[in-house]
Amino acid sequence: MLGILSNRTVPGHAASSALNRRRYGYLSARLQSWAMSKAVTQFSRTVSAWLSKT
C-alpha cells in the first residue's frame, strides 16, 4: 500500500508527508513524556500512601 503511494508522489505531497511525519513524531513524543510523568506521579503517590500506612 505505502509502496504504491510512494511510487507516484509529487514533490509537494512528499514535503507535506514529511511535515506530517515530523508533526506526528513530535506529538507522540509529547504524549509519551506526558504519560511517563503521569505514571511517575501515580507511582510516587502510591509510594507515599504506602509509607504513611506503615
Protein backbone atom coordinates (compact mmCIF):
# COMPACT_ATOMS: atom_id res chain seq x y z
CA MET A 1 0.00 0.00 0.00
CA LEU A 2 2.66 2.50 1.04
CA GLY A 3 4.90 1.39 -1.81
CA ILE A 4 2.16 2.15 -4.35
CA LEU A 5 1.66 5.59 -2.87
CA SER A 6 5.37 6.44 -2.71
CA ASN A 7 5.88 5.37 -6.34
CA ARG A 8 3.78 8.23 -7.66
CA THR A 9 4.29 11.00 -5.15
CA VAL A 10 4.63 14.58 -6.29
CA PRO A 11 7.24 16.81 -4.58
CA GLY A 12 4.60 18.81 -2.73
CA HIS A 13 2.96 15.68 -1.38
CA ALA A 14 6.33 14.29 -0.31
CA ALA A 15 7.11 17.51 1.54
CA SER A 16 3.73 17.54 3.27
CA SER A 17 4.06 13.88 4.26
CA ALA A 18 7.50 14.60 5.72
CA LEU A 19 5.99 17.52 7.64
CA ASN A 20 3.16 15.32 8.87
CA ARG A 21 5.62 12.64 9.94
CA ARG A 22 7.64 15.23 11.88
CA ARG A 23 4.49 16.61 13.49
CA TYR A 24 3.33 13.10 14.39
CA GLY A 25 6.73 12.31 15.88
CA TYR A 26 6.59 15.49 17.96
CA LEU A 27 3.06 14.72 19.16
CA SER A 28 3.88 11.12 20.04
CA ALA A 29 6.97 12.27 21.94
CA ARG A 30 4.86 14.79 23.85
CA LEU A 31 2.26 12.11 24.59
CA GLN A 32 4.95 9.68 25.74
CA SER A 33 6.53 12.21 28.10
CA TRP A 34 3.08 13.17 29.44
CA ALA A 35 2.19 9.52 30.08
CA MET A 36 5.57 8.97 31.72
CA SER A 37 5.17 11.94 34.07
CA LYS A 38 1.63 10.81 34.88
CA ALA A 39 2.88 7.31 35.71
CA VAL A 40 5.67 8.76 37.86
CA THR A 41 3.18 10.95 39.72
CA GLN A 42 0.87 7.99 40.28
CA PHE A 43 3.79 5.86 41.45
CA SER A 44 5.05 8.48 43.91
CA ARG A 45 1.52 8.91 45.25
CA THR A 46 1.24 5.17 45.76
CA VAL A 47 4.63 5.01 47.48
CA SER A 48 3.84 7.92 49.80
CA ALA A 49 0.46 6.38 50.69
CA TRP A 50 2.15 3.04 51.40
CA LEU A 51 4.82 4.74 53.51
CA SER A 52 2.24 6.64 55.53
CA LYS A 53 0.35 3.38 56.13
CA THR A 54 3.35 1.59 57.63
